[in-house]
Every structure is written in C-alpha cells, then in structure tokens.
Amino acid sequence: MSIPESVTELLEPVVATLDVELLDVEWNGNSLRVVVDRTWGPDEVIDKTNGITTQQLAAVNRLISPILDQHDPVPGRYTLEVTSPGVERKLTKDEHYRRAIGEEVVIKMMPRVEPRRVKGELLSLDEAAGVIEVVGDEIDGIDQANPETIRIEIISVQKARTSFNWGPTPKPGGPKAGAKKKSGSTSASSKNAAPGKKQAQLNEKLNRPEEDPS
C-alpha cells in the first residue's frame, strides 16, 4: 500500500468526526498534503464562498498531527499541509462526479485507452453502470468544431478534475491575467521542515545597497 493510500485509510474516518471530507492525499517525498472540504448535502450546490473555513482547517490539522505521529505511516522527516481544494477539485468518487454535473471537467484516461484526454461539460453520472457522459469540447488537446457526447467508464479514468477558466493568455511583458489564487490552507512542520533558501537569498539581494554606477 502506498503512503497516500495508507494515510487516506488512517485519516478518512477521523476527519469525518469534524464534518469534514478527505478529498485527496499527496506525497512528494518531502511534504504530505492533505486536501479536505466540508461535507455537502446531496442537494447542496458547491459555492466557493461557503466552503471549508480556515478555522476548520486548523482543527483538522490539530486532530491529525498526533495521529500521524502515533501511527507513523510516513517515514522520516516531512512537512504536513492541510488545505482546501480551491476552485479546481479532483474527482475520485461517485459523489464528486455527481456534484460536478454541469461543470467543465478534464478527464485523463488510463494508458492504452482512447481518447487519452477529454475536456468538456460533465452531463451525467450513471452510478449503476459506472459511466459518465462528457461533452467532448476538446479531445487530446484538439478543439472540436462539433462536440459530441462521450460515454466514459469510470474504471478507465486515471485522473479527473473540475476545470476553471482563468481567462485569456496574457500578452508578453504584460500583467498576468487570471492569476490563480492560492486555496486556503494551514501548514505545520512535522519532524522539521527545510528552510526556504531561495527566499533568504532573495531577501539578501533586496536588502543589499546598490552600487554607484560611476
């Protein structure tokens, strides 16, 4: 069992006691990122203005830190980050797909499944058949002049997420348009975290007195 799978199995029932859902666990060798959101009712529409709060994130962090230390599913030193999903959310469960109906999604298929990548509006979910329907506005990176509805077996999906339109690409040299905002998060050092060397070098450069060009 991988580290994300072990951590998910350990923490999923724990965070549920706070009316919070564990959406994803990411491990990059140095940091453990735990993505959570508040639980939503079956008829609730996800609204970016009333998602999980920073207080709830902090409560999750306080709850899971000692549990991770006790069960030690992650070897060595690492940084723990508890964060909200932001405007783009991974889709890993039937409930996630159901909530995303009507939204634009990006679906990446398992190897040797064609097409490899589909982007478009999620139209429906058939839980019994394990199938979703997506309008194929973009297939394998190519915009479709006449998009068709594509039926996709969930078992053939490698990765799926909602997609947010960040606006047009900025002109060279101009300000960045639609810059992505950071999702709300709270971080805690677990078994110590490495210092930010790049930030320290930048601060040193900014504070260094300018040389007289003459």
Protein backbone atom coordinates (compact mmCIF):
# COMPACT_ATOMS: atom_id res chain seq x y z
CA MET A 1 0.00 0.00 0.00
CA SER A 2 1.36 3.42 -0.97
CA ILE A 3 1.83 6.28 1.50
CA PRO A 4 -1.21 8.25 0.19
CA GLU A 5 -3.36 5.11 0.43
CA SER A 6 -2.16 4.36 3.98
CA VAL A 7 -2.75 7.94 5.12
CA THR A 8 -6.19 8.03 3.48
CA GLU A 9 -7.22 4.80 5.20
CA LEU A 10 -5.97 6.14 8.53
CA LEU A 11 -7.41 9.66 8.37
CA GLU A 12 -10.64 9.38 6.39
CA PRO A 13 -12.83 8.22 9.33
CA VAL A 14 -11.02 10.57 11.70
CA VAL A 15 -11.67 13.83 9.83
CA ALA A 16 -15.30 12.77 9.30
CA THR A 17 -15.85 13.37 13.03
CA LEU A 18 -15.39 17.09 12.28
CA ASP A 19 -17.98 17.03 9.44
CA VAL A 20 -15.08 17.23 7.01
CA GLU A 21 -14.38 15.05 3.97
CA LEU A 22 -10.92 13.87 2.99
CA LEU A 23 -10.63 14.54 -0.75
CA ASP A 24 -7.02 13.73 -1.54
CA VAL A 25 -3.61 12.91 -0.08
CA GLU A 26 -0.42 13.85 -1.96
CA TRP A 27 3.12 12.80 -1.08
CA ASN A 28 6.18 14.17 -2.92
CA GLY A 29 8.94 12.73 -0.75
CA ASN A 30 9.28 15.80 1.49
CA SER A 31 5.76 17.00 2.24
CA LEU A 32 2.41 15.41 2.91
CA ARG A 33 -0.53 17.40 1.53
CA VAL A 34 -3.96 16.55 2.92
CA VAL A 35 -6.85 18.09 0.96
CA VAL A 36 -10.15 18.38 2.81
CA ASP A 37 -13.51 20.09 2.39
CA ARG A 38 -16.61 20.47 4.48
CA THR A 39 -19.28 17.85 3.91
CA TRP A 40 -22.03 18.81 1.48
CA GLY A 41 -25.63 17.64 1.45
CA PRO A 42 -26.93 15.75 -1.63
CA ASP A 43 -28.96 18.77 -2.79
CA GLU A 44 -26.37 21.44 -1.96
CA VAL A 45 -24.62 23.33 -4.72
CA ILE A 46 -20.92 23.84 -4.10
CA ASP A 47 -20.36 27.55 -3.56
CA LYS A 48 -16.81 28.89 -3.39
CA THR A 49 -17.96 31.47 -0.83
CA ASN A 50 -19.13 28.99 1.80
CA GLY A 51 -16.60 26.18 1.65
CA ILE A 52 -14.37 24.97 4.45
CA THR A 53 -13.07 27.71 6.75
CA THR A 54 -9.54 28.36 7.99
CA GLN A 55 -10.78 27.51 11.49
CA GLN A 56 -11.90 24.09 10.27
CA LEU A 57 -8.57 23.55 8.51
CA ALA A 58 -6.74 24.37 11.72
CA ALA A 59 -8.99 21.98 13.66
CA VAL A 60 -8.21 19.17 11.19
CA ASN A 61 -4.51 19.93 11.49
CA ARG A 62 -4.63 19.72 15.28
CA LEU A 63 -6.58 16.48 15.11
CA ILE A 64 -4.48 14.55 12.60
CA SER A 65 -0.95 15.65 13.58
CA PRO A 66 -0.71 13.46 16.73
CA ILE A 67 -2.41 10.57 14.91
CA LEU A 68 0.21 10.68 12.15
CA ASP A 69 2.97 10.85 14.76
CA GLN A 70 1.50 7.87 16.63
CA HIS A 71 0.90 5.56 13.65
CA ASP A 72 3.87 6.87 11.63
CA PRO A 73 2.67 6.00 8.09
CA VAL A 74 5.25 8.39 6.62
CA PRO A 75 8.93 7.59 7.23
CA GLY A 76 11.50 10.25 8.12
CA ARG A 77 11.01 13.99 8.35
CA TYR A 78 8.33 15.77 6.35
CA THR A 79 6.08 18.81 6.29
CA LEU A 80 2.35 18.40 6.82
CA GLU A 81 -0.03 20.71 4.95
CA VAL A 82 -3.79 20.68 5.44
CA THR A 83 -5.52 22.58 2.65
CA SER A 84 -8.83 23.20 0.91
CA PRO A 85 -9.37 22.03 -2.69
CA GLY A 86 -9.53 25.51 -4.25
CA VAL A 87 -11.55 26.20 -7.39
CA GLU A 88 -10.35 23.07 -9.22
CA ARG A 89 -11.19 19.83 -7.45
CA LYS A 90 -10.13 16.25 -8.04
CA LEU A 91 -12.90 13.80 -8.80
CA THR A 92 -12.28 10.41 -7.20
CA LYS A 93 -15.71 9.24 -6.01
CA ASP A 94 -19.20 8.92 -7.47
CA GLU A 95 -20.31 11.67 -5.12
CA HIS A 96 -17.63 14.01 -6.53
CA TYR A 97 -18.82 13.37 -10.10
CA ARG A 98 -22.43 13.93 -9.08
CA ARG A 99 -21.60 17.31 -7.54
CA ALA A 100 -19.68 18.33 -10.67
CA ILE A 101 -22.55 17.73 -13.12
CA GLY A 102 -22.92 20.87 -15.22
CA GLU A 103 -19.29 21.92 -14.66
CA GLU A 104 -16.35 21.74 -17.05
CA VAL A 105 -14.09 18.78 -16.30
CA VAL A 106 -10.82 17.34 -17.56
CA ILE A 107 -10.61 13.56 -17.82
CA LYS A 108 -7.32 11.71 -18.36
CA MET A 109 -7.63 8.06 -19.31
CA MET A 110 -5.62 5.03 -18.31
CA PRO A 111 -2.77 4.03 -20.67
CA ARG A 112 -3.91 2.49 -23.96
CA VAL A 113 -7.46 3.89 -23.58
CA GLU A 114 -8.58 6.16 -26.41
CA PRO A 115 -9.13 9.06 -26.42
CA ARG A 116 -6.40 9.81 -23.89
CA ARG A 117 -7.81 13.15 -22.66
CA VAL A 118 -11.26 14.72 -22.79
CA LYS A 119 -12.27 18.21 -21.68
CA GLY A 120 -15.83 19.48 -21.61
CA GLU A 121 -19.06 19.72 -19.63
CA LEU A 122 -19.95 16.79 -17.39
CA LEU A 123 -23.52 15.92 -18.36
CA SER A 124 -24.43 12.91 -16.26
CA LEU A 125 -23.37 10.08 -13.98
CA ASP A 126 -24.79 6.57 -14.14
CA GLU A 127 -23.66 5.10 -10.83
CA ALA A 128 -25.12 1.66 -11.54
CA ALA A 129 -23.24 1.33 -14.83
CA GLY A 130 -20.16 3.23 -13.59
CA VAL A 131 -20.33 5.59 -16.57
CA ILE A 132 -20.15 9.37 -17.02
CA GLU A 133 -21.10 11.42 -20.07
CA VAL A 134 -18.95 14.39 -21.12
CA VAL A 135 -19.35 16.83 -24.00
CA GLY A 136 -16.04 16.48 -25.86
CA ASP A 137 -15.24 20.15 -26.49
CA GLU A 138 -11.53 19.28 -26.53
CA ILE A 139 -10.17 15.81 -27.29
CA ASP A 140 -6.48 15.01 -26.93
CA GLY A 141 -5.70 18.74 -26.98
CA ILE A 142 -7.68 19.45 -30.15
CA ASP A 143 -10.75 21.72 -30.06
CA GLN A 144 -13.78 20.07 -31.62
CA ALA A 145 -15.86 22.10 -34.11
CA ASN A 146 -18.89 19.85 -33.49
CA PRO A 147 -18.53 18.42 -29.98
CA GLU A 148 -20.15 15.07 -29.35
CA THR A 149 -21.19 13.45 -26.08
CA ILE A 150 -18.70 10.80 -25.00
CA ARG A 151 -19.53 7.95 -22.61
CA ILE A 152 -16.62 7.13 -20.33
CA GLU A 153 -16.32 4.19 -17.97
CA ILE A 154 -15.09 5.48 -14.61
CA ILE A 155 -12.88 2.41 -14.23
CA SER A 156 -10.91 3.63 -17.29
CA VAL A 157 -10.25 7.07 -15.75
CA GLN A 158 -6.74 7.69 -14.46
CA LYS A 159 -7.30 11.26 -13.26
CA ALA A 160 -10.29 13.60 -13.28
CA ARG A 161 -10.81 17.14 -12.03
CA THR A 162 -13.03 20.14 -12.50
CA SER A 163 -11.61 22.87 -14.71
CA PHE A 164 -11.80 26.62 -14.12
CA ASN A 165 -11.43 29.11 -16.97
CA TRP A 166 -8.71 31.54 -15.88
CA GLY A 167 -9.29 33.91 -18.81
CA PRO A 168 -7.18 34.72 -21.89
CA THR A 169 -3.45 34.22 -22.02
CA PRO A 170 -1.66 37.49 -21.05
CA LYS A 171 0.31 39.40 -23.65
CA PRO A 172 4.13 39.08 -23.46
CA GLY A 173 5.51 41.59 -20.97
CA GLY A 174 2.06 42.48 -19.67
CA PRO A 175 0.41 41.67 -16.34
CA LYS A 176 -0.69 38.10 -15.82
CA ALA A 177 -4.39 37.68 -16.46
CA GLY A 178 -6.45 35.42 -14.28
CA ALA A 179 -3.58 34.54 -11.95
CA LYS A 180 -4.56 31.56 -9.85
CA LYS A 181 -5.27 32.36 -6.23
CA LYS A 182 -3.95 30.12 -3.52
CA SER A 183 -6.51 27.96 -1.79
CA GLY A 184 -6.98 28.41 1.92
CA SER A 185 -4.55 26.26 3.85
CA THR A 186 -2.80 25.75 7.12
CA SER A 187 0.63 24.22 7.47
CA ALA A 188 2.51 22.62 10.31
CA SER A 189 6.04 21.31 10.46
CA SER A 190 6.12 17.61 11.22
CA LYS A 191 9.54 16.23 12.10
CA ASN A 192 11.02 19.58 11.00
CA ALA A 193 10.83 21.31 7.62
CA ALA A 194 13.64 22.57 5.41
CA PRO A 195 14.20 26.36 5.48
CA GLY A 196 13.31 28.48 2.46
CA LYS A 197 16.79 29.09 0.98
CA LYS A 198 15.51 30.83 -2.14
CA GLN A 199 13.50 33.31 -0.10
CA ALA A 200 16.51 34.04 2.12
CA GLN A 201 18.70 34.70 -0.94
CA LEU A 202 16.04 36.99 -2.39
CA ASN A 203 15.77 38.95 0.87
CA GLU A 204 19.57 39.35 0.97
CA LYS A 205 19.58 40.65 -2.59
CA LEU A 206 16.80 43.15 -1.90
CA ASN A 207 18.50 44.47 1.23
CA ARG A 208 21.93 44.82 -0.41
CA PRO A 209 22.82 48.51 -1.09
CA GLU A 210 23.01 49.43 -4.75
CA GLU A 211 26.47 50.07 -6.22
CA ASP A 212 27.27 53.50 -7.61
CA PRO A 213 27.41 53.06 -11.44
CA SER A 214 30.02 55.85 -11.67
